[in-house]
């Protein structure tokens, strides 16, 4: 008898609290700006912090508020800056924007002690390993943010340029001629 009344009371309590949470979720919902959502979808989404903001969502909000420039995302380079400027209707001077050098972290196995500090700060979980074991970097996941290099006590992590292979090779964009004459 006591078990049945306990089951019924807990079930009713669960249903009541679920109903209250559903109502609160509907009426207390915070609407976000569609422009912020669109800008956030343009940004890399790695939450690396290279722009000076704790993540891509706060960076997108700062762009909408005018507190950040369109060139604030180093991993995105000039292509992302152009998309942001087009979306926000800004005039953009790309002379100050340099294309990011594509770097990847590498672990020196001779000096890695397995302290685990590096993979705790990696925003993309590109560093794998176990405590007191040599770590490794998954180069496809590394975004070159250098956070792991800053916290490594043994300096076993270094940044290296990405090797060009058949898998990641791209044509370079041809330069426009200095003077062009129109032929009709």
N, C-alpha and C. Protein backbone atom coordinates (compact mmCIF):
# COMPACT_ATOMS: atom_id res chain seq x y z
N UNK A 1 0.82 -1.19 0.00
CA UNK A 1 0.00 0.00 0.00
C UNK A 1 0.87 1.26 0.00
N UNK A 2 1.89 1.26 0.88
CA UNK A 2 2.77 2.44 0.96
C UNK A 2 3.58 2.62 -0.33
N UNK A 3 3.95 1.51 -0.94
CA UNK A 3 4.73 1.56 -2.18
C UNK A 3 3.89 2.15 -3.30
N UNK A 4 2.64 1.74 -3.39
CA UNK A 4 1.76 2.25 -4.43
C UNK A 4 1.52 3.74 -4.27
N UNK A 5 1.30 4.20 -3.06
CA UNK A 5 1.08 5.64 -2.85
C UNK A 5 2.36 6.43 -3.14
N UNK A 6 3.53 5.87 -2.86
CA UNK A 6 4.80 6.55 -3.16
C UNK A 6 4.99 6.65 -4.67
N UNK A 7 4.68 5.58 -5.40
CA UNK A 7 4.82 5.59 -6.86
C UNK A 7 3.88 6.61 -7.47
N UNK A 8 2.65 6.66 -7.00
CA UNK A 8 1.67 7.60 -7.55
C UNK A 8 2.08 9.04 -7.25
N UNK A 9 2.52 9.31 -6.03
CA UNK A 9 2.90 10.69 -5.68
C UNK A 9 4.14 11.13 -6.46
N UNK A 10 5.11 10.25 -6.62
CA UNK A 10 6.31 10.62 -7.40
C UNK A 10 5.98 10.82 -8.87
N UNK A 11 5.08 10.01 -9.41
CA UNK A 11 4.66 10.17 -10.81
C UNK A 11 3.94 11.50 -11.00
N UNK A 12 3.03 11.83 -10.10
CA UNK A 12 2.32 13.11 -10.20
C UNK A 12 3.27 14.29 -10.04
N UNK A 13 4.23 14.17 -9.12
CA UNK A 13 5.22 15.22 -8.92
C UNK A 13 6.07 15.40 -10.18
N UNK A 14 6.49 14.30 -10.81
CA UNK A 14 7.27 14.37 -12.04
C UNK A 14 6.50 15.01 -13.17
N UNK A 15 5.23 14.63 -13.31
CA UNK A 15 4.39 15.22 -14.36
C UNK A 15 4.17 16.71 -14.12
N UNK A 16 3.92 17.10 -12.89
CA UNK A 16 3.71 18.51 -12.56
C UNK A 16 4.96 19.33 -12.83
N UNK A 17 6.11 18.84 -12.40
CA UNK A 17 7.36 19.57 -12.63
C UNK A 17 7.71 19.63 -14.12
N UNK A 18 7.44 18.56 -14.85
CA UNK A 18 7.66 18.57 -16.29
C UNK A 18 6.79 19.59 -16.99
N UNK A 19 5.53 19.67 -16.57
CA UNK A 19 4.61 20.65 -17.13
C UNK A 19 5.08 22.07 -16.84
N UNK A 20 5.51 22.31 -15.60
CA UNK A 20 6.02 23.64 -15.24
C UNK A 20 7.27 24.00 -16.04
N UNK A 21 8.18 23.06 -16.23
CA UNK A 21 9.37 23.33 -17.03
C UNK A 21 9.02 23.62 -18.49
N UNK A 22 8.04 22.90 -19.03
CA UNK A 22 7.60 23.15 -20.39
C UNK A 22 7.00 24.53 -20.56
N UNK A 23 6.18 24.94 -19.61
CA UNK A 23 5.58 26.27 -19.66
C UNK A 23 6.65 27.35 -19.50
N UNK A 24 7.56 27.14 -18.57
CA UNK A 24 8.64 28.12 -18.36
C UNK A 24 9.52 28.22 -19.58
N UNK A 25 9.82 27.11 -20.23
CA UNK A 25 10.63 27.13 -21.44
C UNK A 25 9.97 27.90 -22.58
N UNK A 26 8.64 27.82 -22.63
CA UNK A 26 7.92 28.52 -23.70
C UNK A 26 7.83 30.02 -23.44
N UNK A 27 7.51 30.41 -22.22
CA UNK A 27 7.27 31.82 -21.93
C UNK A 27 8.52 32.59 -21.52
N UNK A 28 9.54 31.92 -21.05
CA UNK A 28 10.76 32.60 -20.64
C UNK A 28 11.89 32.44 -21.65
N UNK A 29 11.56 32.00 -22.85
CA UNK A 29 12.55 31.80 -23.90
C UNK A 29 13.16 33.13 -24.32
N UNK A 30 14.47 33.15 -24.45
CA UNK A 30 15.18 34.35 -24.88
C UNK A 30 15.36 34.26 -26.39
N UNK A 31 14.80 35.22 -27.08
CA UNK A 31 14.91 35.25 -28.53
C UNK A 31 16.29 35.78 -28.92
N UNK A 32 16.91 35.13 -29.90
CA UNK A 32 18.21 35.61 -30.37
C UNK A 32 18.03 36.25 -31.74
N UNK A 33 18.97 37.08 -32.05
CA UNK A 33 18.93 37.80 -33.32
C UNK A 33 19.27 36.84 -34.46
N UNK A 34 18.50 36.86 -35.54
CA UNK A 34 18.83 36.00 -36.68
C UNK A 34 20.17 36.38 -37.32
N UNK A 35 20.55 37.65 -37.22
CA UNK A 35 21.82 38.10 -37.76
C UNK A 35 22.99 37.49 -36.97
N UNK A 36 22.84 37.44 -35.64
CA UNK A 36 23.87 36.82 -34.80
C UNK A 36 23.99 35.34 -35.13
N UNK A 37 22.85 34.68 -35.33
CA UNK A 37 22.86 33.26 -35.67
C UNK A 37 23.56 33.01 -37.01
N UNK A 38 23.29 33.88 -37.98
CA UNK A 38 23.91 33.73 -39.29
C UNK A 38 25.41 34.00 -39.24
N UNK A 39 25.81 35.01 -38.47
CA UNK A 39 27.24 35.28 -38.32
C UNK A 39 27.94 34.14 -37.60
N UNK A 40 27.30 33.59 -36.59
CA UNK A 40 27.90 32.47 -35.87
C UNK A 40 28.08 31.26 -36.78
N UNK A 41 27.17 31.06 -37.71
CA UNK A 41 27.31 29.94 -38.63
C UNK A 41 28.45 30.16 -39.62
N UNK A 42 28.79 31.42 -39.90
CA UNK A 42 29.91 31.72 -40.79
C UNK A 42 31.26 31.47 -40.11
N UNK A 43 31.33 31.76 -38.81
CA UNK A 43 32.58 31.64 -38.07
C UNK A 43 32.98 30.17 -37.96
N UNK A 44 34.27 29.89 -37.74
CA UNK A 44 34.75 28.49 -37.75
C UNK A 44 34.08 27.59 -36.73
N UNK A 45 33.68 28.11 -35.58
CA UNK A 45 33.01 27.28 -34.58
C UNK A 45 33.94 26.48 -33.71
N UNK A 46 35.22 26.80 -33.73
CA UNK A 46 36.18 26.03 -32.92
C UNK A 46 36.37 26.61 -31.53
N UNK A 47 35.80 27.77 -31.26
CA UNK A 47 35.88 28.42 -29.94
C UNK A 47 37.33 28.60 -29.50
N UNK A 48 38.22 28.94 -30.44
CA UNK A 48 39.65 28.99 -30.15
C UNK A 48 40.05 30.24 -29.37
N UNK A 49 39.31 31.32 -29.49
CA UNK A 49 39.62 32.53 -28.74
C UNK A 49 40.68 33.41 -29.38
N UNK A 50 41.12 33.12 -30.60
CA UNK A 50 42.16 33.92 -31.24
C UNK A 50 41.67 35.32 -31.58
N UNK A 51 40.37 35.51 -31.61
CA UNK A 51 39.80 36.82 -31.92
C UNK A 51 39.72 37.73 -30.71
N UNK A 52 39.95 37.17 -29.52
CA UNK A 52 39.86 37.96 -28.31
C UNK A 52 38.54 37.77 -27.57
N UNK A 53 37.68 36.92 -28.08
CA UNK A 53 36.41 36.63 -27.44
C UNK A 53 36.42 35.17 -27.00
N UNK A 54 35.64 34.82 -25.98
CA UNK A 54 35.69 33.45 -25.45
C UNK A 54 35.13 32.39 -26.39
N UNK A 55 34.47 32.78 -27.43
CA UNK A 55 33.92 31.81 -28.36
C UNK A 55 33.35 32.51 -29.58
N UNK A 56 32.82 31.71 -30.50
CA UNK A 56 32.29 32.28 -31.74
C UNK A 56 30.96 33.01 -31.53
N UNK A 57 30.13 32.57 -30.60
CA UNK A 57 28.86 33.26 -30.34
C UNK A 57 29.11 34.67 -29.79
N UNK A 58 29.95 34.85 -28.76
CA UNK A 58 30.23 36.21 -28.29
C UNK A 58 30.90 37.07 -29.37
N UNK A 59 31.70 36.47 -30.23
CA UNK A 59 32.32 37.22 -31.32
C UNK A 59 31.26 37.70 -32.31
N UNK A 60 30.29 36.85 -32.62
CA UNK A 60 29.21 37.23 -33.52
C UNK A 60 28.36 38.35 -32.92
N UNK A 61 28.10 38.26 -31.61
CA UNK A 61 27.34 39.32 -30.95
C UNK A 61 28.12 40.64 -30.98
N UNK A 62 29.44 40.58 -30.79
CA UNK A 62 30.25 41.80 -30.84
C UNK A 62 30.27 42.39 -32.24
N UNK A 63 30.25 41.56 -33.26
CA UNK A 63 30.20 42.06 -34.64
C UNK A 63 28.90 42.81 -34.90
N UNK A 64 27.79 42.25 -34.44
CA UNK A 64 26.49 42.89 -34.65
C UNK A 64 26.42 44.22 -33.89
N UNK A 65 26.99 44.27 -32.69
CA UNK A 65 26.98 45.49 -31.88
C UNK A 65 27.99 46.52 -32.36
N UNK A 66 28.87 46.14 -33.29
CA UNK A 66 29.88 47.06 -33.79
C UNK A 66 31.11 47.17 -32.91
N UNK A 67 31.29 46.23 -31.99
CA UNK A 67 32.43 46.26 -31.07
C UNK A 67 33.63 45.48 -31.61
N UNK A 68 33.49 44.85 -32.76
CA UNK A 68 34.58 44.09 -33.36
C UNK A 68 34.60 44.36 -34.86
N UNK A 69 35.80 44.26 -35.43
CA UNK A 69 35.91 44.49 -36.87
C UNK A 69 35.67 43.18 -37.62
N UNK A 70 35.39 43.30 -38.89
CA UNK A 70 35.12 42.12 -39.70
C UNK A 70 36.36 41.27 -39.89
N UNK A 71 37.52 41.82 -39.61
CA UNK A 71 38.77 41.10 -39.80
C UNK A 71 39.28 40.47 -38.51
N UNK A 72 38.43 40.26 -37.53
CA UNK A 72 38.87 39.82 -36.21
C UNK A 72 39.18 38.35 -36.10
N UNK A 73 38.81 37.52 -37.06
CA UNK A 73 39.00 36.06 -36.96
C UNK A 73 40.24 35.64 -37.75
N UNK A 74 41.37 35.40 -37.06
CA UNK A 74 42.58 34.99 -37.78
C UNK A 74 42.44 33.68 -38.56
N UNK A 75 41.80 32.64 -38.03
CA UNK A 75 41.70 31.42 -38.84
C UNK A 75 40.87 31.60 -40.11
N UNK A 76 39.92 32.52 -40.09
CA UNK A 76 39.06 32.71 -41.26
C UNK A 76 39.72 33.44 -42.40
N UNK A 77 40.69 34.32 -42.09
CA UNK A 77 41.40 35.05 -43.12
C UNK A 77 40.52 36.05 -43.85
N UNK A 78 40.97 36.42 -45.05
CA UNK A 78 40.27 37.46 -45.80
C UNK A 78 38.94 36.96 -46.38
N UNK A 79 38.84 35.68 -46.67
CA UNK A 79 37.59 35.15 -47.23
C UNK A 79 36.45 35.30 -46.24
N UNK A 80 36.70 34.98 -44.98
CA UNK A 80 35.67 35.15 -43.95
C UNK A 80 35.38 36.62 -43.72
N UNK A 81 36.41 37.46 -43.72
CA UNK A 81 36.22 38.89 -43.52
C UNK A 81 35.33 39.48 -44.61
N UNK A 82 35.51 39.03 -45.85
CA UNK A 82 34.66 39.50 -46.95
C UNK A 82 33.21 39.08 -46.76
N UNK A 83 32.99 37.84 -46.32
CA UNK A 83 31.62 37.37 -46.08
C UNK A 83 30.95 38.15 -44.96
N UNK A 84 31.69 38.42 -43.89
CA UNK A 84 31.14 39.19 -42.77
C UNK A 84 30.80 40.61 -43.21
N UNK A 85 31.71 41.25 -43.94
CA UNK A 85 31.48 42.62 -44.42
C UNK A 85 30.28 42.68 -45.36
N UNK A 86 30.13 41.68 -46.20
CA UNK A 86 28.99 41.64 -47.12
C UNK A 86 27.69 41.48 -46.35
N UNK A 87 27.69 40.63 -45.35
CA UNK A 87 26.49 40.40 -44.56
C UNK A 87 26.10 41.62 -43.73
N UNK A 88 27.09 42.31 -43.18
CA UNK A 88 26.82 43.48 -42.34
C UNK A 88 26.77 44.79 -43.12
N UNK A 89 27.11 44.75 -44.41
CA UNK A 89 27.10 45.96 -45.22
C UNK A 89 28.22 46.92 -44.85
N UNK A 90 29.39 46.40 -44.55
CA UNK A 90 30.53 47.23 -44.15
C UNK A 90 31.49 47.43 -45.31
N UNK A 91 32.19 48.57 -45.30
CA UNK A 91 33.30 48.77 -46.22
C UNK A 91 34.51 48.09 -45.60
N UNK A 92 35.25 47.36 -46.40
CA UNK A 92 36.32 46.54 -45.86
C UNK A 92 37.64 46.85 -46.54
N UNK A 93 38.66 47.09 -45.74
CA UNK A 93 40.01 47.30 -46.24
C UNK A 93 40.82 46.04 -45.91
N UNK A 94 41.10 45.25 -46.91
CA UNK A 94 41.82 43.99 -46.69
C UNK A 94 43.33 44.15 -46.75
N UNK A 95 43.82 45.38 -46.84
CA UNK A 95 45.27 45.58 -46.91
C UNK A 95 45.95 45.18 -45.61
N UNK A 96 45.25 45.30 -44.48
CA UNK A 96 45.85 44.95 -43.19
C UNK A 96 45.67 43.48 -42.85
N UNK A 97 44.84 42.76 -43.60
CA UNK A 97 44.58 41.35 -43.31
C UNK A 97 45.60 40.50 -44.04
N UNK A 98 46.28 39.69 -43.27
CA UNK A 98 47.19 38.74 -43.91
C UNK A 98 46.57 37.36 -43.78
N UNK A 99 46.80 36.56 -44.79
CA UNK A 99 46.26 35.21 -44.77
C UNK A 99 46.95 34.42 -43.67
N UNK A 100 46.19 33.64 -42.94
CA UNK A 100 46.80 32.90 -41.84
C UNK A 100 47.77 31.84 -42.36
N UNK A 101 48.91 31.74 -41.68
CA UNK A 101 49.84 30.67 -42.02
C UNK A 101 49.27 29.40 -41.41
N UNK A 102 49.09 28.40 -42.23
CA UNK A 102 48.49 27.17 -41.75
C UNK A 102 49.53 26.36 -40.98
N UNK A 103 49.31 26.25 -39.67
CA UNK A 103 50.23 25.55 -38.80
C UNK A 103 49.53 24.39 -38.11
N UNK A 104 50.31 23.42 -37.72
CA UNK A 104 49.79 22.28 -36.98
C UNK A 104 50.79 21.98 -35.85
N UNK A 105 50.27 21.58 -34.71
CA UNK A 105 51.14 21.26 -33.57
C UNK A 105 51.71 19.86 -33.74
N UNK A 106 52.94 19.69 -33.29
CA UNK A 106 53.57 18.37 -33.29
C UNK A 106 54.22 18.15 -31.94
N UNK A 107 54.19 16.92 -31.47
CA UNK A 107 54.74 16.56 -30.17
C UNK A 107 56.13 15.95 -30.37
N UNK A 108 57.09 16.44 -29.59
CA UNK A 108 58.41 15.82 -29.55
C UNK A 108 58.34 14.68 -28.54
N UNK A 109 58.43 13.47 -29.01
CA UNK A 109 58.27 12.30 -28.14
C UNK A 109 59.37 12.20 -27.10
N UNK A 110 60.54 12.78 -27.38
CA UNK A 110 61.65 12.68 -26.45
C UNK A 110 61.42 13.48 -25.17
N UNK A 111 60.62 14.55 -25.25
CA UNK A 111 60.44 15.41 -24.08
C UNK A 111 59.03 15.41 -23.51
N UNK A 112 58.08 14.70 -24.12
CA UNK A 112 56.70 14.67 -23.61
C UNK A 112 56.64 13.81 -22.36
N UNK A 113 56.12 14.38 -21.28
CA UNK A 113 55.99 13.65 -20.02
C UNK A 113 54.58 13.16 -19.77
N UNK A 114 53.64 13.52 -20.61
CA UNK A 114 52.26 13.08 -20.43
C UNK A 114 51.53 13.81 -19.34
N UNK A 115 51.80 15.11 -19.18
CA UNK A 115 51.21 15.88 -18.09
C UNK A 115 49.72 16.19 -18.31
N UNK A 116 49.21 16.05 -19.50
CA UNK A 116 47.81 16.25 -19.91
C UNK A 116 47.36 17.70 -19.91
N UNK A 117 48.26 18.64 -19.71
CA UNK A 117 47.86 20.06 -19.75
C UNK A 117 47.45 20.48 -21.15
N UNK A 118 48.11 19.93 -22.15
CA UNK A 118 47.86 20.35 -23.53
C UNK A 118 46.47 19.96 -24.00
N UNK A 119 46.06 18.71 -23.76
CA UNK A 119 44.76 18.35 -24.31
C UNK A 119 43.61 18.85 -23.49
N UNK A 120 43.87 19.41 -22.32
CA UNK A 120 42.81 20.05 -21.55
C UNK A 120 42.44 21.42 -22.11
N UNK A 121 43.38 22.08 -22.81
CA UNK A 121 43.11 23.41 -23.35
C UNK A 121 42.80 23.39 -24.84
N UNK A 122 42.96 22.24 -25.50
CA UNK A 122 42.73 22.16 -26.94
C UNK A 122 41.24 22.32 -27.25
N UNK A 123 40.85 23.35 -28.03
CA UNK A 123 39.42 23.57 -28.29
C UNK A 123 38.80 22.54 -29.24
N UNK A 124 39.63 21.82 -29.99
CA UNK A 124 39.08 20.86 -30.96
C UNK A 124 39.40 19.42 -30.60
N UNK A 125 39.94 19.17 -29.42
CA UNK A 125 40.31 17.82 -28.99
C UNK A 125 41.24 17.14 -29.99
N UNK A 126 42.19 17.91 -30.52
CA UNK A 126 43.13 17.37 -31.51
C UNK A 126 44.28 16.61 -30.86
N UNK A 127 44.46 16.75 -29.55
CA UNK A 127 45.56 16.08 -28.87
C UNK A 127 44.99 14.87 -28.13
N UNK A 128 45.60 13.72 -28.37
CA UNK A 128 45.14 12.49 -27.75
C UNK A 128 46.27 11.88 -26.95
N UNK A 129 45.91 11.16 -25.93
CA UNK A 129 46.90 10.49 -25.09
C UNK A 129 46.33 10.26 -23.71
N UNK A 130 47.10 9.56 -22.90
CA UNK A 130 46.69 9.25 -21.54
C UNK A 130 47.68 9.89 -20.56
N UNK A 131 47.29 10.05 -19.31
CA UNK A 131 48.22 10.60 -18.32
C UNK A 131 49.50 9.75 -18.23
N UNK A 132 50.61 10.43 -18.16
CA UNK A 132 51.94 9.84 -18.08
C UNK A 132 52.29 8.98 -19.29
N UNK A 133 51.68 9.28 -20.42
CA UNK A 133 51.98 8.61 -21.68
C UNK A 133 52.28 9.69 -22.71
N UNK A 134 52.99 9.34 -23.75
CA UNK A 134 53.30 10.30 -24.81
C UNK A 134 52.01 10.65 -25.56
N UNK A 135 51.81 11.92 -25.80
CA UNK A 135 50.62 12.38 -26.51
C UNK A 135 50.91 12.48 -28.01
N UNK A 136 49.85 12.60 -28.77
CA UNK A 136 49.95 12.77 -30.21
C UNK A 136 48.93 13.81 -30.65
N UNK A 137 49.20 14.43 -31.78
CA UNK A 137 48.30 15.44 -32.33
C UNK A 137 47.66 14.89 -33.60
N UNK A 138 46.35 14.95 -33.67
CA UNK A 138 45.62 14.59 -34.88
C UNK A 138 45.65 15.82 -35.78
N UNK A 139 46.48 15.77 -36.81
CA UNK A 139 46.73 16.97 -37.61
C UNK A 139 45.49 17.46 -38.36
N UNK A 140 44.57 16.56 -38.69
CA UNK A 140 43.35 17.00 -39.38
C UNK A 140 42.44 17.81 -38.48
N UNK A 141 42.54 17.62 -37.17
CA UNK A 141 41.68 18.34 -36.23
C UNK A 141 42.35 19.58 -35.66
N UNK A 142 43.67 19.71 -35.78
CA UNK A 142 44.40 20.85 -35.21
C UNK A 142 44.12 22.10 -36.03
N UNK A 143 43.77 23.20 -35.35
CA UNK A 143 43.48 24.46 -36.03
C UNK A 143 44.62 25.46 -35.89
N UNK A 144 45.69 25.08 -35.22
CA UNK A 144 46.86 25.95 -35.10
C UNK A 144 46.66 27.13 -34.17
N UNK A 145 45.90 26.97 -33.10
CA UNK A 145 45.62 28.09 -32.20
C UNK A 145 46.74 28.35 -31.20
N UNK A 146 47.68 27.45 -31.06
CA UNK A 146 48.87 27.58 -30.21
C UNK A 146 48.58 27.57 -28.71
N UNK A 147 47.36 27.23 -28.30
CA UNK A 147 47.06 27.17 -26.87
C UNK A 147 47.85 26.07 -26.18
N UNK A 148 48.05 24.96 -26.87
CA UNK A 148 48.78 23.85 -26.27
C UNK A 148 50.25 24.19 -26.07
N UNK A 149 50.81 24.96 -26.98
CA UNK A 149 52.23 25.34 -26.87
C UNK A 149 52.44 26.24 -25.66
N UNK A 150 51.46 27.09 -25.37
CA UNK A 150 51.58 28.03 -24.26
C UNK A 150 51.57 27.34 -22.90
N UNK A 151 50.85 26.22 -22.77
CA UNK A 151 50.72 25.58 -21.45
C UNK A 151 51.68 24.42 -21.25
N UNK A 152 52.40 24.02 -22.27
CA UNK A 152 53.28 22.85 -22.16
C UNK A 152 54.50 23.19 -21.30
N UNK A 153 54.69 22.49 -20.17
CA UNK A 153 55.81 22.80 -19.28
C UNK A 153 57.16 22.31 -19.81
N UNK A 154 57.16 21.31 -20.68
CA UNK A 154 58.42 20.76 -21.19
C UNK A 154 58.77 21.26 -22.58
N UNK A 155 57.94 22.12 -23.14
CA UNK A 155 58.13 22.67 -24.48
C UNK A 155 58.27 21.57 -25.53
N UNK A 156 57.52 20.50 -25.36
CA UNK A 156 57.58 19.40 -26.33
C UNK A 156 56.65 19.64 -27.52
N UNK A 157 55.79 20.62 -27.46
CA UNK A 157 54.90 20.94 -28.57
C UNK A 157 55.46 22.13 -29.34
N UNK A 158 55.56 21.97 -30.65
CA UNK A 158 55.99 23.06 -31.52
C UNK A 158 55.00 23.16 -32.69
N UNK A 159 54.91 24.35 -33.23
CA UNK A 159 54.04 24.57 -34.37
C UNK A 159 54.87 24.44 -35.65
N UNK A 160 54.35 23.68 -36.60
CA UNK A 160 55.03 23.44 -37.87
C UNK A 160 54.07 23.75 -39.01
N UNK A 161 54.61 24.22 -40.14
CA UNK A 161 53.73 24.43 -41.30
C UNK A 161 53.15 23.09 -41.77
N UNK A 162 51.97 23.16 -42.31
CA UNK A 162 51.32 21.96 -42.81
C UNK A 162 52.02 21.52 -44.09
N UNK A 163 52.38 20.24 -44.14
CA UNK A 163 53.01 19.71 -45.33
C UNK A 163 51.99 19.63 -46.45
N UNK A 164 52.41 20.02 -47.64
CA UNK A 164 51.53 19.95 -48.80
C UNK A 164 51.58 18.54 -49.35
N UNK A 165 50.42 17.90 -49.38
CA UNK A 165 50.29 16.56 -49.93
C UNK A 165 49.20 16.58 -51.00
N UNK A 166 48.99 15.47 -51.65
CA UNK A 166 47.92 15.40 -52.65
C UNK A 166 46.56 15.59 -52.01
N UNK A 167 46.46 15.27 -50.75
CA UNK A 167 45.18 15.37 -50.05
C UNK A 167 44.78 16.82 -49.76
N UNK A 168 45.76 17.70 -49.48
CA UNK A 168 45.41 19.07 -49.09
C UNK A 168 45.93 20.13 -50.06
N UNK A 169 46.48 19.75 -51.17
CA UNK A 169 47.01 20.71 -52.14
C UNK A 169 45.89 21.45 -52.84
N UNK A 170 46.07 22.75 -53.03
CA UNK A 170 45.08 23.59 -53.72
C UNK A 170 45.80 24.47 -54.74
N UNK A 171 45.11 24.77 -55.82
CA UNK A 171 45.64 25.72 -56.79
C UNK A 171 45.73 27.08 -56.14
N UNK A 172 46.75 27.83 -56.47
CA UNK A 172 46.83 29.19 -55.98
C UNK A 172 45.96 30.07 -56.86
N UNK A 173 45.43 31.11 -56.27
CA UNK A 173 44.57 32.02 -57.00
C UNK A 173 45.45 32.88 -57.91
N UNK A 174 45.15 32.93 -59.20
CA UNK A 174 46.00 33.72 -60.10
C UNK A 174 45.87 35.22 -59.80
N UNK A 175 46.99 35.91 -59.93
CA UNK A 175 47.01 37.35 -59.70
C UNK A 175 46.43 38.07 -60.91
N UNK A 176 45.73 39.15 -60.66
CA UNK A 176 45.20 39.97 -61.75
C UNK A 176 46.34 40.76 -62.38
N UNK A 177 46.30 40.93 -63.69
CA UNK A 177 47.34 41.73 -64.33
C UNK A 177 47.26 43.18 -63.85
N UNK A 178 48.40 43.84 -63.81
CA UNK A 178 48.46 45.22 -63.33
C UNK A 178 47.62 46.15 -64.22
N UNK A 179 47.74 46.00 -65.51
CA UNK A 179 46.93 46.80 -66.43
C UNK A 179 46.19 45.84 -67.34
N UNK A 180 44.95 46.10 -67.46
CA UNK A 180 44.16 45.24 -68.34
C UNK A 180 43.51 46.11 -69.41
N UNK A 181 43.54 45.61 -70.62
CA UNK A 181 42.90 46.34 -71.71
C UNK A 181 41.72 45.51 -72.17
N UNK A 182 40.62 46.16 -72.38
CA UNK A 182 39.42 45.47 -72.81
C UNK A 182 39.48 45.30 -74.33
N UNK A 183 39.25 44.08 -74.76
CA UNK A 183 39.22 43.79 -76.19
C UNK A 183 37.79 43.51 -76.56
N UNK A 184 37.30 44.22 -77.57
CA UNK A 184 35.92 44.02 -78.01
C UNK A 184 35.84 43.23 -79.24
